[in-house]
Amino acid sequence: MSAEAPGKLVLVGTPLGNRGDLSPRAREAIVGADVLFCEDTRSPLRLLGEGATLPPRISCFVANEGERVALLLENLERGKVVAYVSEAGLPVWSDPGLRLVQAAVEAGYAVDVVPGPTAAAVALCLSGLPAEDVRFLGFLPRGGPERAERLESIARERGTVLLYEAGNRVPALLRDLAAALPDAESRRVAIGRELTKQHQEILRGSLAELAQTVDEALRGEVTVVLSGTQAQAAGDPVQDATRALWQLVCDPGLKPREKAKQIAALTGLEARAIYEQLGALRRGAE
């Protein structure tokens, strides 16, 4: 690696659909790079226009990202600035780019990001659901035990959940969620489609409701925002023990010796000492 001309990898966020969302800095990063890695080599031309002068473009998508790592490092070693653009949105967020970042970081090269839109952030803002505690899961596994395990974890999730899904699979996703979540009637959902485009649409309702009404494929990729469960978490030994101890202390029907005996069994402390403390508390109250 040349110290005089260190290479750099730049991840460039691109619009979700509205080309007006491309920032001047993003445009400059794309045009000014020495090499442009692209999820789809046609995307930069569509974005900047056929007349744009672009650096050499190299395809880099899910299936070949691992193979592109060697070419990335080769360019970085030569001091080149390599920009990477996914088809839409911010690289790495359920898009290629992670392997490139990991390789560049491990090899000691600089990595930068030109921020841009992400469907998850846009949909969350439009959903009206809480944004303080959010879990981004991207695309769920297509089937098998992995999907079942992920659905089970969503059922317990108390924060807002963000999911990506292909439009044609949204009805099946909603049905699977409704079947796996016992509180589907109370879990709120917002489904964002065609985000930032002319026909942007947000479908809102309960999970149970939308699982029944959304029965046809939606167009394009979709972002699903799901509210967390309000059910009381079960099986927390600390909470259970604290609740039981408080009930024993406050139970007026138990004689002091029996109360001390049960508290001792629950806490592991000596029953006699507890009995004496309960007596002291009673005398103090009187």
C-alpha atoms as a PDB file:
ATOM      1  CA  MET A   1       0.000   0.000   0.000  1.00  0.00           C
ATOM      2  CA  SER A   2       1.420   3.362  -1.028  1.00  0.00           C
ATOM      3  CA  ALA A   3       1.663   5.872   1.827  1.00  0.00           C
ATOM      4  CA  GLU A   4       1.927   8.786  -0.680  1.00  0.00           C
ATOM      5  CA  ALA A   5      -1.280   7.900  -2.498  1.00  0.00           C
ATOM      6  CA  PRO A   6      -3.484   5.809  -0.196  1.00  0.00           C
ATOM      7  CA  GLY A   7      -6.528   4.274  -1.759  1.00  0.00           C
ATOM      8  CA  LYS A   8     -10.016   4.858  -0.427  1.00  0.00           C
ATOM      9  CA  LEU A   9     -13.376   3.114  -0.654  1.00  0.00           C
ATOM     10  CA  VAL A  10     -16.424   5.390  -0.737  1.00  0.00           C
ATOM     11  CA  LEU A  11     -19.956   4.074  -0.270  1.00  0.00           C
ATOM     12  CA  VAL A  12     -22.420   6.370  -2.028  1.00  0.00           C
ATOM     13  CA  GLY A  13     -26.090   6.557  -1.083  1.00  0.00           C
ATOM     14  CA  THR A  14     -28.378   6.921  -4.102  1.00  0.00           C
ATOM     15  CA  PRO A  15     -32.093   7.813  -4.407  1.00  0.00           C
ATOM     16  CA  LEU A  16     -34.768   5.211  -3.738  1.00  0.00           C
ATOM     17  CA  GLY A  17     -36.656   6.329  -6.818  1.00  0.00           C
ATOM     18  CA  ASN A  18     -36.806  10.110  -7.024  1.00  0.00           C
ATOM     19  CA  ARG A  19     -33.684  11.250  -8.860  1.00  0.00           C
ATOM     20  CA  GLY A  20     -34.006  14.685  -7.258  1.00  0.00           C
ATOM     21  CA  ASP A  21     -32.829  13.146  -3.983  1.00  0.00           C
ATOM     22  CA  LEU A  22     -29.277  12.684  -5.317  1.00  0.00           C
ATOM     23  CA  SER A  23     -27.098  15.078  -3.318  1.00  0.00           C
ATOM     24  CA  PRO A  24     -24.411  17.243  -4.964  1.00  0.00           C
ATOM     25  CA  ARG A  25     -21.804  15.448  -2.872  1.00  0.00           C
ATOM     26  CA  ALA A  26     -23.038  12.050  -4.053  1.00  0.00           C
ATOM     27  CA  ARG A  27     -22.915  13.182  -7.671  1.00  0.00           C
ATOM     28  CA  GLU A  28     -19.380  14.466  -7.171  1.00  0.00           C
ATOM     29  CA  ALA A  29     -18.301  11.207  -5.507  1.00  0.00           C
ATOM     30  CA  ILE A  30     -19.645   9.125  -8.398  1.00  0.00           C
ATOM     31  CA  VAL A  31     -18.189  11.252 -11.185  1.00  0.00           C
ATOM     32  CA  GLY A  32     -14.902  11.919  -9.367  1.00  0.00           C
ATOM     33  CA  ALA A  33     -14.032   8.338  -8.472  1.00  0.00           C
ATOM     34  CA  ASP A  34     -11.240   6.533 -10.277  1.00  0.00           C
ATOM     35  CA  VAL A  35     -13.264   3.321 -10.420  1.00  0.00           C
ATOM     36  CA  LEU A  36     -17.002   2.815  -9.925  1.00  0.00           C
ATOM     37  CA  PHE A  37     -18.267  -0.488  -8.519  1.00  0.00           C
ATOM     38  CA  CYS A  38     -22.005  -0.871  -9.233  1.00  0.00           C
ATOM     39  CA  GLU A  39     -24.689  -3.314  -8.196  1.00  0.00           C
ATOM     40  CA  ASP A  40     -26.130  -2.565 -11.639  1.00  0.00           C
ATOM     41  CA  THR A  41     -23.784  -0.808 -14.098  1.00  0.00           C
ATOM     42  CA  ARG A  42     -26.803   0.809 -15.789  1.00  0.00           C
ATOM     43  CA  SER A  43     -27.987   2.592 -12.644  1.00  0.00           C
ATOM     44  CA  PRO A  44     -25.470   5.482 -12.647  1.00  0.00           C
ATOM     45  CA  LEU A  45     -26.375   6.344 -16.244  1.00  0.00           C
ATOM     46  CA  ARG A  46     -30.071   6.352 -15.422  1.00  0.00           C
ATOM     47  CA  LEU A  47     -29.352   8.488 -12.386  1.00  0.00           C
ATOM     48  CA  LEU A  48     -27.002  11.060 -13.926  1.00  0.00           C
ATOM     49  CA  GLY A  49     -28.226  10.917 -17.512  1.00  0.00           C
ATOM     50  CA  GLU A  50     -26.788   9.356 -20.658  1.00  0.00           C
ATOM     51  CA  GLY A  51     -24.530  12.350 -21.238  1.00  0.00           C
ATOM     52  CA  ALA A  52     -22.687  11.969 -17.939  1.00  0.00           C
ATOM     53  CA  THR A  53     -18.984  11.165 -18.000  1.00  0.00           C
ATOM     54  CA  LEU A  54     -18.423   8.272 -15.648  1.00  0.00           C
ATOM     55  CA  PRO A  55     -15.308   6.448 -14.462  1.00  0.00           C
ATOM     56  CA  PRO A  56     -14.842   2.817 -15.506  1.00  0.00           C
ATOM     57  CA  ARG A  57     -17.743   0.763 -14.143  1.00  0.00           C
ATOM     58  CA  ILE A  58     -17.434  -2.728 -12.686  1.00  0.00           C
ATOM     59  CA  SER A  59     -20.412  -4.860 -11.706  1.00  0.00           C
ATOM     60  CA  CYS A  60     -20.530  -5.864  -8.048  1.00  0.00           C
ATOM     61  CA  PHE A  61     -23.712  -7.577  -6.881  1.00  0.00           C
ATOM     62  CA  VAL A  62     -24.652 -10.230  -4.335  1.00  0.00           C
ATOM     63  CA  ALA A  63     -23.460 -13.200  -6.388  1.00  0.00           C
ATOM     64  CA  ASN A  64     -20.019 -11.828  -7.269  1.00  0.00           C
ATOM     65  CA  GLU A  65     -19.162  -9.433  -4.424  1.00  0.00           C
ATOM     66  CA  GLY A  66     -16.738 -11.924  -2.898  1.00  0.00           C
ATOM     67  CA  GLU A  67     -14.917 -12.223  -6.229  1.00  0.00           C
ATOM     68  CA  ARG A  68     -14.639  -8.434  -6.496  1.00  0.00           C
ATOM     69  CA  VAL A  69     -12.718  -8.080  -3.231  1.00  0.00           C
ATOM     70  CA  ALA A  70      -9.371  -8.880  -4.894  1.00  0.00           C
ATOM     71  CA  LEU A  71     -10.024  -6.291  -7.620  1.00  0.00           C
ATOM     72  CA  LEU A  72     -11.001  -3.722  -4.993  1.00  0.00           C
ATOM     73  CA  LEU A  73      -7.796  -4.268  -3.035  1.00  0.00           C
ATOM     74  CA  GLU A  74      -5.757  -4.130  -6.230  1.00  0.00           C
ATOM     75  CA  ASN A  75      -7.172  -0.692  -7.024  1.00  0.00           C
ATOM     76  CA  LEU A  76      -6.774   0.559  -3.461  1.00  0.00           C
ATOM     77  CA  GLU A  77      -3.145  -0.570  -3.434  1.00  0.00           C
ATOM     78  CA  ARG A  78      -2.592   1.556  -6.535  1.00  0.00           C
ATOM     79  CA  GLY A  79      -3.963   4.560  -4.646  1.00  0.00           C
ATOM     80  CA  LYS A  80      -7.297   4.655  -6.459  1.00  0.00           C
ATOM     81  CA  VAL A  81     -10.545   6.010  -5.078  1.00  0.00           C
ATOM     82  CA  VAL A  82     -13.178   3.327  -5.552  1.00  0.00           C
ATOM     83  CA  ALA A  83     -16.814   4.384  -5.193  1.00  0.00           C
ATOM     84  CA  TYR A  84     -19.558   1.817  -4.702  1.00  0.00           C
ATOM     85  CA  VAL A  85     -23.239   2.382  -5.505  1.00  0.00           C
ATOM     86  CA  SER A  86     -26.016  -0.135  -4.985  1.00  0.00           C
ATOM     87  CA  GLU A  87     -29.043   0.002  -7.252  1.00  0.00           C
ATOM     88  CA  ALA A  88     -30.928   2.271  -4.838  1.00  0.00           C
ATOM     89  CA  GLY A  89     -30.477   3.405  -1.265  1.00  0.00           C
ATOM     90  CA  LEU A  90     -27.441   3.006   0.965  1.00  0.00           C
ATOM     91  CA  PRO A  91     -25.014   0.113   0.388  1.00  0.00           C
ATOM     92  CA  VAL A  92     -24.730  -2.561   3.109  1.00  0.00           C
ATOM     93  CA  TRP A  93     -28.348  -2.057   4.302  1.00  0.00           C
ATOM     94  CA  SER A  94     -29.662  -5.356   2.869  1.00  0.00           C
ATOM     95  CA  ASP A  95     -27.600  -4.492  -0.211  1.00  0.00           C
ATOM     96  CA  PRO A  96     -24.101  -5.529  -1.263  1.00  0.00           C
ATOM     97  CA  GLY A  97     -21.102  -3.656   0.100  1.00  0.00           C
ATOM     98  CA  LEU A  98     -20.325  -5.281   3.437  1.00  0.00           C
ATOM     99  CA  ARG A  99     -17.595  -7.563   2.058  1.00  0.00           C
ATOM    100  CA  LEU A 100     -15.957  -4.608   0.359  1.00  0.00           C
ATOM    101  CA  VAL A 101     -15.945  -2.612   3.592  1.00  0.00           C
ATOM    102  CA  GLN A 102     -14.612  -5.520   5.635  1.00  0.00           C
ATOM    103  CA  ALA A 103     -11.775  -6.159   3.165  1.00  0.00           C
ATOM    104  CA  ALA A 104     -10.787  -2.481   2.980  1.00  0.00           C
ATOM    105  CA  VAL A 105     -10.827  -2.047   6.758  1.00  0.00           C
ATOM    106  CA  GLU A 106      -8.852  -5.242   7.358  1.00  0.00           C
ATOM    107  CA  ALA A 107      -6.233  -4.137   4.843  1.00  0.00           C
ATOM    108  CA  GLY A 108      -5.918  -0.713   6.476  1.00  0.00           C
ATOM    109  CA  TYR A 109      -7.474   1.461   3.776  1.00  0.00           C
ATOM    110  CA  ALA A 110      -9.745   4.428   4.397  1.00  0.00           C
ATOM    111  CA  VAL A 111     -13.498   3.961   4.057  1.00  0.00           C
ATOM    112  CA  ASP A 112     -15.958   6.826   3.720  1.00  0.00           C
ATOM    113  CA  VAL A 113     -19.721   7.132   3.268  1.00  0.00           C
ATOM    114  CA  VAL A 114     -21.718   9.718   1.366  1.00  0.00           C
ATOM    115  CA  PRO A 115     -25.076   9.482   3.180  1.00  0.00           C
ATOM    116  CA  GLY A 116     -28.230   8.904   1.229  1.00  0.00           C
ATOM    117  CA  PRO A 117     -31.795   7.668   1.579  1.00  0.00           C
ATOM    118  CA  THR A 118     -32.631   4.294   3.076  1.00  0.00           C
ATOM    119  CA  ALA A 119     -36.061   2.728   2.653  1.00  0.00           C
ATOM    120  CA  ALA A 120     -36.115   1.641   6.304  1.00  0.00           C
ATOM    121  CA  ALA A 121     -35.622   5.195   7.614  1.00  0.00           C
ATOM    122  CA  VAL A 122     -38.146   6.698   5.192  1.00  0.00           C
ATOM    123  CA  ALA A 123     -40.806   4.100   5.998  1.00  0.00           C
ATOM    124  CA  LEU A 124     -40.238   4.467   9.745  1.00  0.00           C
ATOM    125  CA  CYS A 125     -40.742   8.227   9.544  1.00  0.00           C
ATOM    126  CA  LEU A 126     -43.969   7.757   7.574  1.00  0.00           C
ATOM    127  CA  SER A 127     -45.321   4.938   9.743  1.00  0.00           C
ATOM    128  CA  GLY A 128     -46.239   6.914  12.835  1.00  0.00           C
ATOM    129  CA  LEU A 129     -44.805   4.118  14.986  1.00  0.00           C
ATOM    130  CA  PRO A 130     -42.254   4.644  17.809  1.00  0.00           C
ATOM    131  CA  ALA A 131     -38.678   5.221  16.683  1.00  0.00           C
ATOM    132  CA  GLU A 132     -36.892   5.103  20.054  1.00  0.00           C
ATOM    133  CA  ASP A 133     -36.340   1.328  20.079  1.00  0.00           C
ATOM    134  CA  VAL A 134     -36.038  -0.097  16.564  1.00  0.00           C
ATOM    135  CA  ARG A 135     -34.843  -3.465  15.262  1.00  0.00           C
ATOM    136  CA  PHE A 136     -33.913  -3.717  11.581  1.00  0.00           C
ATOM    137  CA  LEU A 137     -34.146  -7.277  10.248  1.00  0.00           C
ATOM    138  CA  GLY A 138     -34.027  -6.728   6.494  1.00  0.00           C
ATOM    139  CA  PHE A 139     -35.276  -9.698   4.465  1.00  0.00           C
ATOM    140  CA  LEU A 140     -36.453 -12.695   6.478  1.00  0.00           C
ATOM    141  CA  PRO A 141     -35.289 -16.201   5.513  1.00  0.00           C
ATOM    142  CA  ARG A 142     -37.523 -17.596   2.797  1.00  0.00           C
ATOM    143  CA  GLY A 143     -38.556 -20.691   4.765  1.00  0.00           C
ATOM    144  CA  GLY A 144     -37.544 -23.546   7.048  1.00  0.00           C
ATOM    145  CA  PRO A 145     -36.552 -23.375  10.722  1.00  0.00           C
ATOM    146  CA  GLU A 146     -34.621 -20.140  10.168  1.00  0.00           C
ATOM    147  CA  ARG A 147     -37.817 -18.318   9.185  1.00  0.00           C
ATOM    148  CA  ALA A 148     -39.756 -19.876  12.064  1.00  0.00           C
ATOM    149  CA  GLU A 149     -37.093 -18.800  14.560  1.00  0.00           C
ATOM    150  CA  ARG A 150     -37.078 -15.238  13.236  1.00  0.00           C
ATOM    151  CA  LEU A 151     -40.877 -15.036  13.409  1.00  0.00           C
ATOM    152  CA  GLU A 152     -40.760 -16.299  16.987  1.00  0.00           C
ATOM    153  CA  SER A 153     -38.267 -13.593  17.930  1.00  0.00           C
ATOM    154  CA  ILE A 154     -40.484 -10.933  16.336  1.00  0.00           C
ATOM    155  CA  ALA A 155     -43.385 -12.173  18.462  1.00  0.00           C
ATOM    156  CA  ARG A 156     -41.349 -11.294  21.594  1.00  0.00           C
ATOM    157  CA  GLU A 157     -39.930  -8.024  20.257  1.00  0.00           C
ATOM    158  CA  ARG A 158     -41.054  -5.006  22.290  1.00  0.00           C
ATOM    159  CA  GLY A 159     -39.566  -2.404  19.933  1.00  0.00           C
ATOM    160  CA  THR A 160     -40.563  -1.441  16.399  1.00  0.00           C
ATOM    161  CA  VAL A 161     -39.462  -3.947  13.741  1.00  0.00           C
ATOM    162  CA  LEU A 162     -38.378  -3.006  10.201  1.00  0.00           C
ATOM    163  CA  LEU A 163     -38.547  -5.610   7.435  1.00  0.00           C
ATOM    164  CA  TYR A 164     -37.833  -5.613   3.713  1.00  0.00           C
ATOM    165  CA  GLU A 165     -39.765  -7.830   1.329  1.00  0.00           C
ATOM    166  CA  ALA A 166     -40.355  -8.267  -2.385  1.00  0.00           C
ATOM    167  CA  GLY A 167     -43.825  -7.013  -3.271  1.00  0.00           C
ATOM    168  CA  ASN A 168     -45.041 -10.363  -4.577  1.00  0.00           C
ATOM    169  CA  ARG A 169     -44.205 -12.041  -1.245  1.00  0.00           C
ATOM    170  CA  VAL A 170     -45.848  -9.461   1.029  1.00  0.00           C
ATOM    171  CA  PRO A 171     -49.187 -11.322   1.384  1.00  0.00           C
ATOM    172  CA  ALA A 172     -47.373 -14.479   2.523  1.00  0.00           C
ATOM    173  CA  LEU A 173     -45.201 -12.473   4.942  1.00  0.00           C
ATOM    174  CA  LEU A 174     -48.252 -10.861   6.552  1.00  0.00           C
ATOM    175  CA  ARG A 175     -50.007 -14.216   6.881  1.00  0.00           C
ATOM    176  CA  ASP A 176     -46.935 -15.806   8.469  1.00  0.00           C
ATOM    177  CA  LEU A 177     -46.553 -12.899  10.897  1.00  0.00           C
ATOM    178  CA  ALA A 178     -50.235 -13.003  11.851  1.00  0.00           C
ATOM    179  CA  ALA A 179     -50.038 -16.749  12.469  1.00  0.00           C
ATOM    180  CA  ALA A 180     -46.886 -16.453  14.584  1.00  0.00           C
ATOM    181  CA  LEU A 181     -47.883 -13.421  16.674  1.00  0.00           C
ATOM    182  CA  PRO A 182     -50.605 -14.108  19.260  1.00  0.00           C
ATOM    183  CA  ASP A 183     -51.306 -10.372  19.582  1.00  0.00           C
ATOM    184  CA  ALA A 184     -51.769  -9.778  15.833  1.00  0.00           C
ATOM    185  CA  GLU A 185     -54.976  -7.825  16.527  1.00  0.00           C
ATOM    186  CA  SER A 186     -53.099  -5.167  18.499  1.00  0.00           C
ATOM    187  CA  ARG A 187     -49.827  -5.038  16.537  1.00  0.00           C
ATOM    188  CA  ARG A 188     -49.886  -2.045  14.206  1.00  0.00           C
ATOM    189  CA  VAL A 189     -48.355  -2.250  10.718  1.00  0.00           C
ATOM    190  CA  ALA A 190     -47.372   0.291   8.086  1.00  0.00           C
ATOM    191  CA  ILE A 191     -46.423  -0.999   4.629  1.00  0.00           C
ATOM    192  CA  GLY A 192     -44.458   1.431   2.449  1.00  0.00           C
ATOM    193  CA  ARG A 193     -44.295   0.959  -1.316  1.00  0.00           C
ATOM    194  CA  GLU A 194     -42.923   3.079  -4.167  1.00  0.00           C
ATOM    195  CA  LEU A 195     -41.201   5.248  -1.556  1.00  0.00           C
ATOM    196  CA  THR A 196     -40.240   8.751  -2.775  1.00  0.00           C
ATOM    197  CA  LYS A 197     -41.826   8.019  -6.171  1.00  0.00           C
ATOM    198  CA  GLN A 198     -44.908   9.576  -7.740  1.00  0.00           C
ATOM    199  CA  HIS A 199     -47.206   6.785  -6.565  1.00  0.00           C
ATOM    200  CA  GLN A 200     -45.811   6.432  -3.041  1.00  0.00           C
ATOM    201  CA  GLU A 201     -48.279   4.635  -0.797  1.00  0.00           C
ATOM    202  CA  ILE A 202     -48.480   3.714   2.886  1.00  0.00           C
ATOM    203  CA  LEU A 203     -50.930   1.020   3.975  1.00  0.00           C
ATOM    204  CA  ARG A 204     -51.744   1.142   7.695  1.00  0.00           C
ATOM    205  CA  GLY A 205     -53.764  -1.100   9.987  1.00  0.00           C
ATOM    206  CA  SER A 206     -53.494  -3.940  12.459  1.00  0.00           C
ATOM    207  CA  LEU A 207     -51.452  -6.974  11.489  1.00  0.00           C
ATOM    208  CA  ALA A 208     -54.547  -9.175  11.644  1.00  0.00           C
ATOM    209  CA  GLU A 209     -56.467  -6.787   9.385  1.00  0.00           C
ATOM    210  CA  LEU A 210     -53.786  -6.361   6.724  1.00  0.00           C
ATOM    211  CA  ALA A 211     -53.044 -10.098   6.685  1.00  0.00           C
ATOM    212  CA  GLN A 212     -56.602 -10.549   5.437  1.00  0.00           C
ATOM    213  CA  THR A 213     -56.956  -7.534   3.129  1.00  0.00           C
ATOM    214  CA  VAL A 214     -53.541  -7.531   1.410  1.00  0.00           C
ATOM    215  CA  ASP A 215     -54.017 -10.662  -0.675  1.00  0.00           C
ATOM    216  CA  GLU A 216     -52.442  -9.600  -3.966  1.00  0.00           C
ATOM    217  CA  ALA A 217     -48.832  -8.934  -4.947  1.00  0.00           C
ATOM    218  CA  LEU A 218     -47.554  -5.388  -4.506  1.00  0.00           C
ATOM    219  CA  ARG A 219     -45.237  -3.688  -6.961  1.00  0.00           C
ATOM    220  CA  GLY A 220     -41.500  -3.464  -6.336  1.00  0.00           C
ATOM    221  CA  GLU A 221     -39.716  -3.875  -3.023  1.00  0.00           C
ATOM    222  CA  VAL A 222     -41.678  -3.056   0.099  1.00  0.00           C
ATOM    223  CA  THR A 223     -40.790  -1.948   3.624  1.00  0.00           C
ATOM    224  CA  VAL A 224     -42.900  -3.290   6.478  1.00  0.00           C
ATOM    225  CA  VAL A 225     -42.908  -1.446   9.814  1.00  0.00           C
ATOM    226  CA  LEU A 226     -44.380  -3.448  12.709  1.00  0.00           C
ATOM    227  CA  SER A 227     -45.083  -2.211  16.226  1.00  0.00           C
ATOM    228  CA  GLY A 228     -43.657  -4.104  19.183  1.00  0.00           C
ATOM    229  CA  THR A 229     -45.644  -6.336  21.492  1.00  0.00           C
ATOM    230  CA  GLN A 230     -47.274  -4.887  24.578  1.00  0.00           C
ATOM    231  CA  ALA A 231     -47.610  -8.284  26.253  1.00  0.00           C
ATOM    232  CA  GLN A 232     -45.941  -8.644  29.623  1.00  0.00           C
ATOM    233  CA  ALA A 233     -42.695 -10.557  29.296  1.00  0.00           C
ATOM    234  CA  ALA A 234     -43.128 -13.958  30.927  1.00  0.00           C
ATOM    235  CA  GLY A 235     -40.663 -16.139  32.778  1.00  0.00           C
ATOM    236  CA  ASP A 236     -38.366 -13.406  34.153  1.00  0.00           C
ATOM    237  CA  PRO A 237     -37.102 -15.026  37.375  1.00  0.00           C
ATOM    238  CA  VAL A 238     -36.027 -11.725  38.954  1.00  0.00           C
ATOM    239  CA  GLN A 239     -39.400 -10.089  38.345  1.00  0.00           C
ATOM    240  CA  ASP A 240     -41.280 -13.194  39.474  1.00  0.00           C
ATOM    241  CA  ALA A 241     -39.275 -13.481  42.705  1.00  0.00           C
ATOM    242  CA  THR A 242     -39.621  -9.767  43.477  1.00  0.00           C
ATOM    243  CA  ARG A 243     -43.373  -9.903  42.918  1.00  0.00           C
ATOM    244  CA  ALA A 244     -43.743 -12.988  45.136  1.00  0.00           C
ATOM    245  CA  LEU A 245     -41.641 -11.429  47.907  1.00  0.00           C
ATOM    246  CA  TRP A 246     -43.672  -8.233  47.862  1.00  0.00           C
ATOM    247  CA  GLN A 247     -46.925 -10.184  48.058  1.00  0.00           C
ATOM    248  CA  LEU A 248     -45.640 -12.103  51.099  1.00  0.00           C
ATOM    249  CA  VAL A 249     -44.518  -8.973  52.920  1.00  0.00           C
ATOM    250  CA  CYS A 250     -47.861  -7.261  52.312  1.00  0.00           C
ATOM    251  CA  ASP A 251     -50.116 -10.264  53.033  1.00  0.00           C
ATOM    252  CA  PRO A 252     -52.103  -9.386  56.206  1.00  0.00           C
ATOM    253  CA  GLY A 253     -53.519 -12.902  56.481  1.00  0.00           C
ATOM    254  CA  LEU A 254     -50.209 -14.617  57.198  1.00  0.00           C
ATOM    255  CA  LYS A 255     -48.969 -14.931  60.779  1.00  0.00           C
ATOM    256  CA  PRO A 256     -45.463 -13.463  61.309  1.00  0.00           C
ATOM    257  CA  ARG A 257     -43.766 -16.840  61.806  1.00  0.00           C
ATOM    258  CA  GLU A 258     -45.324 -18.317  58.664  1.00  0.00           C
ATOM    259  CA  LYS A 259     -44.503 -15.172  56.730  1.00  0.00           C
ATOM    260  CA  ALA A 260     -40.877 -15.332  57.884  1.00  0.00           C
ATOM    261  CA  LYS A 261     -40.696 -19.013  56.954  1.00  0.00           C
ATOM    262  CA  GLN A 262     -41.952 -18.430  53.394  1.00  0.00           C
ATOM    263  CA  ILE A 263     -39.710 -15.392  52.863  1.00  0.00           C
ATOM    264  CA  ALA A 264     -36.733 -17.455  54.037  1.00  0.00           C
ATOM    265  CA  ALA A 265     -37.596 -20.208  51.563  1.00  0.00           C
ATOM    266  CA  LEU A 266     -37.798 -17.636  48.768  1.00  0.00           C
ATOM    267  CA  THR A 267     -34.639 -15.670  49.610  1.00  0.00           C
ATOM    268  CA  GLY A 268     -32.382 -18.211  51.357  1.00  0.00           C
ATOM    269  CA  LEU A 269     -32.071 -15.971  54.419  1.00  0.00           C
ATOM    270  CA  GLU A 270     -32.493 -17.246  58.005  1.00  0.00           C
ATOM    271  CA  ALA A 271     -36.152 -17.427  59.078  1.00  0.00           C
ATOM    272  CA  ARG A 272     -35.402 -16.325  62.665  1.00  0.00           C
ATOM    273  CA  ALA A 273     -33.659 -13.131  61.538  1.00  0.00           C
ATOM    274  CA  ILE A 274     -36.542 -12.321  59.180  1.00  0.00           C
ATOM    275  CA  TYR A 275     -39.064 -12.947  61.994  1.00  0.00           C
ATOM    276  CA  GLU A 276     -37.193 -10.548  64.277  1.00  0.00           C
ATOM    277  CA  GLN A 277     -37.028  -7.865  61.588  1.00  0.00           C
ATOM    278  CA  LEU A 278     -40.753  -8.222  60.854  1.00  0.00           C
ATOM    279  CA  GLY A 279     -41.437  -7.838  64.598  1.00  0.00           C
ATOM    280  CA  ALA A 280     -39.264  -4.718  64.772  1.00  0.00           C
ATOM    281  CA  LEU A 281     -41.101  -3.254  61.777  1.00  0.00           C
ATOM    282  CA  ARG A 282     -44.471  -4.002  63.379  1.00  0.00           C
ATOM    283  CA  ARG A 283     -43.453  -2.431  66.680  1.00  0.00           C
ATOM    284  CA  GLY A 284     -42.101   0.613  64.860  1.00  0.00           C
ATOM    285  CA  ALA A 285     -45.375   1.034  63.000  1.00  0.00           C
ATOM    286  CA  GLU A 286     -47.348   0.811  66.250  1.00  0.00           C
END
